[in-house]
């Protein structure tokens, strides 16, 4: 039975009964997915759809699309897939099998048409029309008491507006083992396909929460015994000289209790209300004397350094020389 989903006042079917050719059960017959069948699919078999009217968006990139199918959190109306004459190999073949298993129409558009649909983003020959992801209310985070685990780490993002910065931060947070991510409800970048692509698909498998009262959220965590640590650029001009908040290098930070790490806007940093809710400020010290204008790092770069400096203190964190499976660049 097709699942009906209402988005933005429109109703559509998750099975995606659009005028399109379906791949037949090649995998069930033991044939190579995307081989002979893919060559029989008409190149221009791409019926137009009104994504905006149906509340849909175009997810692009191999990792985001594959992870979205694995996670099954989005409804998918169709998969747009490019392939050479030799068919599909590796993860692209897995992508086709996953779409077949969910009865999702698979189309093979021309490169020029796919480029135009993606507005010339780097799509790697893979796109999907999908329902959007939205942050969950922070009230759904669930109770986490400091005594449960002294090495809990939540990441709070205030007013991050660049989708590529947000995606890169989410990728680092997922990779390094951050427990929760909370964003400010106002003036923050939505969870767009660009965010998913920049996160190498990490957005598809992690929960992102949101609150309109970030200062109140941080104050509540402090009352529960959590350490609320803000972040500043070196030498910390965001914190006024009269501030009583101590500022230390991230290399000096000792992670001995549950911590909320707060990162601010790309240009203005933390707002005064959020800054006042912090008990400590962490900074990344430069390795040389810097000229004016270069006293800070890109927020996604700073996030990676800060998170690694904290998470490397976690018991069981991989030590040098121990090889782990790494996310591959998209």
Protein backbone atom coordinates (compact mmCIF):
# COMPACT_ATOMS: atom_id res chain seq x y z
CA UNK A 1 0.00 0.00 0.00
CA UNK A 2 1.36 3.41 -0.94
CA UNK A 3 2.02 5.72 1.99
CA UNK A 4 0.40 9.16 1.74
CA UNK A 5 2.40 12.08 3.10
CA UNK A 6 1.07 15.62 3.54
CA UNK A 7 3.74 18.30 3.18
CA UNK A 8 3.04 21.98 2.84
CA UNK A 9 -0.67 21.39 2.22
CA UNK A 10 -0.06 18.91 -0.59
CA UNK A 11 -0.48 15.17 -0.48
CA UNK A 12 1.71 12.79 -2.41
CA UNK A 13 2.69 9.14 -2.40
CA UNK A 14 5.94 7.88 -0.97
CA UNK A 15 5.90 5.05 -3.49
CA UNK A 16 6.22 7.82 -6.08
CA UNK A 17 3.72 6.65 -8.72
CA UNK A 18 5.03 9.10 -11.28
CA UNK A 19 5.04 8.54 -15.04
CA UNK A 20 8.39 6.79 -15.16
CA UNK A 21 10.00 3.52 -16.16
CA UNK A 22 10.83 1.17 -13.30
CA UNK A 23 13.84 -1.09 -13.18
CA UNK A 24 12.63 -4.66 -13.04
CA UNK A 25 13.99 -7.21 -10.59
CA UNK A 26 17.44 -7.61 -12.10
CA UNK A 27 18.95 -8.40 -8.72
CA UNK A 28 16.36 -11.11 -8.13
CA UNK A 29 17.35 -12.73 -11.45
CA UNK A 30 21.02 -12.65 -10.59
CA UNK A 31 21.88 -9.99 -13.18
CA UNK A 32 24.25 -7.14 -12.51
CA UNK A 33 22.19 -4.13 -11.34
CA UNK A 34 22.27 -1.30 -13.84
CA UNK A 35 23.77 -3.31 -16.66
CA UNK A 36 21.50 -4.40 -19.49
CA UNK A 37 18.43 -2.89 -17.83
CA UNK A 38 20.04 0.50 -17.42
CA UNK A 39 20.98 0.59 -21.08
CA UNK A 40 17.33 -0.02 -22.01
CA UNK A 41 16.08 2.93 -19.96
CA UNK A 42 15.36 5.95 -22.12
CA UNK A 43 17.83 8.73 -21.46
CA UNK A 44 15.20 11.48 -21.49
CA UNK A 45 12.62 9.55 -19.45
CA UNK A 46 12.33 12.41 -16.95
CA UNK A 47 8.83 13.70 -16.44
CA UNK A 48 8.81 17.13 -14.79
CA UNK A 49 7.42 17.49 -11.28
CA UNK A 50 6.60 20.50 -9.15
CA UNK A 51 8.79 19.93 -6.10
CA UNK A 52 7.92 23.24 -4.47
CA UNK A 53 4.18 22.55 -4.69
CA UNK A 54 4.62 19.12 -3.13
CA UNK A 55 7.05 20.18 -0.43
CA UNK A 56 9.83 18.17 -2.05
CA UNK A 57 13.52 18.96 -2.47
CA UNK A 58 16.31 17.54 -4.60
CA UNK A 59 18.93 15.66 -2.61
CA UNK A 60 22.18 15.22 -4.54
CA UNK A 61 25.45 13.35 -4.18
CA UNK A 62 26.22 9.64 -3.82
CA UNK A 63 26.74 9.51 -0.05
CA UNK A 64 23.72 11.65 0.92
CA UNK A 65 21.38 9.66 -1.34
CA UNK A 66 22.70 6.27 -0.28
CA UNK A 67 22.61 7.12 3.43
CA UNK A 68 19.13 8.62 3.06
CA UNK A 69 17.88 5.36 1.55
CA UNK A 70 19.54 3.32 4.29
CA UNK A 71 18.15 5.50 7.07
CA UNK A 72 14.64 5.54 5.52
CA UNK A 73 13.71 8.81 7.28
CA UNK A 74 12.69 10.58 4.10
CA UNK A 75 9.99 9.71 1.63
CA UNK A 76 11.51 9.32 -1.83
CA UNK A 77 9.48 9.87 -4.99
CA UNK A 78 12.16 8.99 -7.53
CA UNK A 79 15.88 8.40 -8.01
CA UNK A 80 17.74 10.09 -10.86
CA UNK A 81 20.81 8.11 -11.78
CA UNK A 82 23.56 8.42 -14.34
CA UNK A 83 25.74 5.53 -15.42
CA UNK A 84 28.15 4.56 -18.17
CA UNK A 85 27.57 1.82 -20.70
CA UNK A 86 29.22 -0.68 -18.40
CA UNK A 87 26.46 -0.19 -15.84
CA UNK A 88 26.71 0.51 -12.14
CA UNK A 89 29.36 -0.65 -9.72
CA UNK A 90 29.91 -0.56 -5.97
CA UNK A 91 27.79 1.93 -4.04
CA UNK A 92 25.86 2.95 -7.15
CA UNK A 93 24.74 -0.64 -7.58
CA UNK A 94 23.76 -0.71 -3.90
CA UNK A 95 21.81 2.49 -4.44
CA UNK A 96 19.87 0.91 -7.28
CA UNK A 97 19.13 -2.24 -5.25
CA UNK A 98 17.90 -0.15 -2.31
CA UNK A 99 15.60 1.82 -4.61
CA UNK A 100 14.26 -1.38 -6.17
CA UNK A 101 13.58 -2.84 -2.73
CA UNK A 102 11.43 0.20 -1.86
CA UNK A 103 9.69 0.28 -5.25
CA UNK A 104 11.12 3.72 -6.02
CA UNK A 105 11.08 4.77 -9.69
CA UNK A 106 14.60 5.09 -11.13
CA UNK A 107 15.26 7.37 -14.09
CA UNK A 108 18.30 8.00 -16.25
CA UNK A 109 18.35 11.67 -17.26
CA UNK A 110 20.88 13.27 -19.52
CA UNK A 111 23.84 14.96 -17.84
CA UNK A 112 22.78 18.42 -18.98
CA UNK A 113 19.31 17.98 -17.54
CA UNK A 114 20.64 16.68 -14.23
CA UNK A 115 23.08 19.60 -14.03
CA UNK A 116 20.23 22.05 -14.55
CA UNK A 117 18.01 20.34 -11.98
CA UNK A 118 20.80 20.54 -9.39
CA UNK A 119 21.64 24.13 -10.36
CA UNK A 120 25.11 22.88 -11.30
CA UNK A 121 25.97 21.55 -7.85
CA UNK A 122 28.41 18.61 -7.70
CA UNK A 123 25.86 15.79 -7.84
CA UNK A 124 28.15 12.86 -8.83
CA UNK A 125 25.44 11.63 -11.19
CA UNK A 126 23.01 10.84 -8.35
CA UNK A 127 19.93 12.80 -7.24
CA UNK A 128 16.69 11.97 -5.42
CA UNK A 129 13.44 13.82 -5.03
CA UNK A 130 12.72 13.59 -1.31
CA UNK A 131 10.74 15.03 1.58
CA UNK A 132 12.73 17.56 3.66
CA UNK A 133 14.35 16.98 7.04
CA UNK A 134 13.64 19.43 9.85
CA UNK A 135 15.22 19.82 13.29
CA UNK A 136 13.34 18.19 16.13
CA UNK A 137 12.24 20.20 19.19
CA UNK A 138 14.88 20.10 21.92
CA UNK A 139 12.20 18.85 24.32
CA UNK A 140 12.53 15.51 22.48
CA UNK A 141 16.22 15.22 23.36
CA UNK A 142 15.41 13.14 26.43
CA UNK A 143 16.79 13.29 29.93
CA UNK A 144 20.54 12.96 30.30
CA UNK A 145 21.77 13.30 33.87
CA UNK A 146 25.38 14.25 34.61
CA UNK A 147 25.79 11.14 36.77
CA UNK A 148 24.85 8.82 33.90
CA UNK A 149 28.10 9.46 32.02
CA UNK A 150 30.63 12.15 32.99
CA UNK A 151 31.88 12.31 29.39
CA UNK A 152 28.77 13.44 27.56
CA UNK A 153 29.26 16.13 24.94
CA UNK A 154 26.48 18.16 23.36
CA UNK A 155 27.18 20.66 20.59
CA UNK A 156 25.10 23.85 20.38
CA UNK A 157 25.19 25.98 17.22
CA UNK A 158 23.93 29.55 17.42
CA UNK A 159 22.87 31.24 14.19
CA UNK A 160 25.09 29.32 11.77
CA UNK A 161 23.91 30.53 8.37
CA UNK A 162 26.25 29.06 5.77
CA UNK A 163 24.95 25.62 4.72
CA UNK A 164 28.43 24.34 3.88
CA UNK A 165 29.72 25.40 7.28
CA UNK A 166 26.79 23.69 8.98
CA UNK A 167 27.29 20.51 6.96
CA UNK A 168 31.01 20.40 7.71
CA UNK A 169 30.36 20.91 11.44
CA UNK A 170 27.78 18.11 11.45
CA UNK A 171 30.20 15.80 9.68
CA UNK A 172 32.92 16.42 12.29
CA UNK A 173 30.43 16.09 15.15
CA UNK A 174 29.18 12.74 13.89
CA UNK A 175 32.67 11.45 13.16
CA UNK A 176 34.11 12.42 16.56
CA UNK A 177 31.21 11.08 18.60
CA UNK A 178 29.23 14.14 19.75
CA UNK A 179 26.14 12.90 21.57
CA UNK A 180 23.61 15.60 20.60
CA UNK A 181 23.48 18.64 18.29
CA UNK A 182 21.14 21.55 19.04
CA UNK A 183 20.70 24.62 16.82
CA UNK A 184 19.07 27.97 17.47
CA UNK A 185 15.59 28.12 16.01
CA UNK A 186 15.99 31.68 14.71
CA UNK A 187 18.45 32.87 12.08
CA UNK A 188 19.92 29.42 11.51
CA UNK A 189 20.45 27.65 8.22
CA UNK A 190 17.73 25.06 7.48
CA UNK A 191 18.69 21.43 6.88
CA UNK A 192 18.91 21.71 3.11
CA UNK A 193 20.38 19.29 0.55
CA UNK A 194 23.49 21.52 0.44
CA UNK A 195 23.94 20.87 4.17
CA UNK A 196 23.57 17.12 3.60
CA UNK A 197 26.12 17.16 0.77
CA UNK A 198 28.62 19.18 2.82
CA UNK A 199 28.16 16.70 5.68
CA UNK A 200 28.94 13.78 3.29
CA UNK A 201 25.50 12.43 4.23
CA UNK A 202 26.02 12.54 8.01
CA UNK A 203 22.87 14.67 8.27
CA UNK A 204 20.88 11.68 7.00
CA UNK A 205 21.81 9.47 9.96
CA UNK A 206 21.95 11.90 12.89
CA UNK A 207 19.32 13.83 14.82
CA UNK A 208 19.50 17.61 14.94
CA UNK A 209 17.43 19.41 17.55
CA UNK A 210 16.38 23.04 17.78
CA UNK A 211 15.22 25.59 20.36
CA UNK A 212 14.00 29.17 20.16
CA UNK A 213 15.32 29.91 23.67
CA UNK A 214 18.97 28.97 23.47
CA UNK A 215 20.00 31.00 26.53
CA UNK A 216 17.26 29.38 28.60
CA UNK A 217 18.32 25.94 27.39
CA UNK A 218 21.94 26.56 28.39
CA UNK A 219 20.96 27.91 31.79
CA UNK A 220 18.83 24.83 32.41
CA UNK A 221 21.75 22.54 31.56
CA UNK A 222 24.03 24.51 33.92
CA UNK A 223 21.52 24.07 36.75
CA UNK A 224 21.56 20.33 36.06
CA UNK A 225 25.33 20.25 36.65
CA UNK A 226 26.57 20.51 33.05
CA UNK A 227 29.52 22.70 32.10
CA UNK A 228 28.50 25.23 29.45
CA UNK A 229 31.57 26.22 27.43
CA UNK A 230 31.42 28.95 24.82
CA UNK A 231 34.01 29.58 22.13
CA UNK A 232 35.88 32.73 21.10
CA UNK A 233 38.51 33.64 18.57
CA UNK A 234 42.00 34.44 19.79
CA UNK A 235 42.59 36.64 21.73
CA UNK A 236 38.87 36.70 22.50
CA UNK A 237 37.59 40.18 21.59
CA UNK A 238 34.01 38.88 21.78
CA UNK A 239 34.25 38.78 25.58
CA UNK A 240 34.44 42.23 27.15
CA UNK A 241 37.28 43.02 29.57
CA UNK A 242 34.77 43.21 32.42
CA UNK A 243 33.53 39.69 31.75
CA UNK A 244 34.03 37.19 34.52
CA UNK A 245 34.07 34.25 32.10
CA UNK A 246 37.55 32.68 32.06
CA UNK A 247 39.08 31.98 28.65
CA UNK A 248 41.50 29.07 28.15
CA UNK A 249 43.10 27.21 25.28
CA UNK A 250 41.19 24.13 24.18
CA UNK A 251 44.40 22.16 24.82
CA UNK A 252 44.18 23.05 28.51
CA UNK A 253 40.57 21.97 28.88
CA UNK A 254 39.96 18.96 31.14
CA UNK A 255 36.81 17.04 30.24
CA UNK A 256 35.71 15.71 33.61
CA UNK A 257 31.97 16.33 33.51
CA UNK A 258 29.16 16.53 30.95
CA UNK A 259 29.76 19.50 28.69
CA UNK A 260 27.79 21.67 26.29
CA UNK A 261 30.07 23.28 23.69
CA UNK A 262 28.60 26.40 22.06
CA UNK A 263 29.70 27.75 18.67
CA UNK A 264 28.48 31.10 17.37
CA UNK A 265 27.68 32.84 14.13
CA UNK A 266 30.34 32.98 11.38
CA UNK A 267 30.73 36.74 11.65
CA UNK A 268 29.52 37.96 15.04
CA UNK A 269 30.17 34.90 17.21
CA UNK A 270 28.01 34.31 20.28
CA UNK A 271 25.20 36.68 21.14
CA UNK A 272 25.46 38.53 24.48
CA UNK A 273 22.62 36.49 26.01
CA UNK A 274 24.22 33.17 25.07
CA UNK A 275 27.68 34.43 26.06
CA UNK A 276 26.34 35.35 29.51
CA UNK A 277 24.99 31.81 29.89
CA UNK A 278 28.47 30.27 29.46
CA UNK A 279 30.69 29.38 32.42
CA UNK A 280 33.89 29.08 30.39
CA UNK A 281 35.24 30.13 27.00
CA UNK A 282 37.52 27.95 24.89
CA UNK A 283 39.80 29.23 22.15
CA UNK A 284 42.22 27.82 19.58
CA UNK A 285 45.61 29.48 19.91
CA UNK A 286 47.49 30.35 16.68
CA UNK A 287 50.90 28.97 15.91
CA UNK A 288 52.36 32.34 14.91
CA UNK A 289 51.83 36.06 15.26
CA UNK A 290 48.91 36.94 13.03
CA UNK A 291 48.22 40.16 11.11
CA UNK A 292 44.95 42.02 11.69
CA UNK A 293 41.95 40.25 10.21
CA UNK A 294 43.34 36.73 10.56
CA UNK A 295 42.79 36.23 14.28
CA UNK A 296 40.06 33.62 13.88
CA UNK A 297 39.29 30.38 12.05
CA UNK A 298 36.40 29.34 9.86
CA UNK A 299 33.72 28.01 12.20
CA UNK A 300 33.79 24.51 10.71
CA UNK A 301 37.59 24.32 11.03
CA UNK A 302 37.44 25.60 14.61
CA UNK A 303 34.71 23.07 15.39
CA UNK A 304 36.87 20.18 14.20
CA UNK A 305 39.85 21.30 16.31
CA UNK A 306 37.76 21.97 19.42
CA UNK A 307 35.79 18.74 19.19
CA UNK A 308 38.91 16.65 18.65
CA UNK A 309 40.69 18.26 21.57
CA UNK A 310 37.74 17.32 23.80
CA UNK A 311 36.75 13.95 22.36
CA UNK A 312 40.34 12.67 22.36
CA UNK A 313 40.03 12.60 26.17
CA UNK A 314 37.19 10.08 25.96
CA UNK A 315 37.97 6.61 27.25
CA UNK A 316 38.40 4.22 24.35
CA UNK A 317 39.09 7.01 21.84
CA UNK A 318 41.28 5.58 19.01
CA UNK A 319 44.96 6.07 19.75
CA UNK A 320 47.68 6.91 17.26
CA UNK A 321 48.52 4.01 15.03
CA UNK A 322 45.14 2.34 15.44
CA UNK A 323 43.37 2.41 12.11
CA UNK A 324 39.63 3.01 11.97
CA UNK A 325 37.22 3.16 9.08
CA UNK A 326 37.09 6.78 7.85
CA UNK A 327 34.34 8.53 5.94
CA UNK A 328 35.47 9.02 2.37
CA UNK A 329 35.31 12.42 0.78
CA UNK A 330 32.31 12.84 -1.47
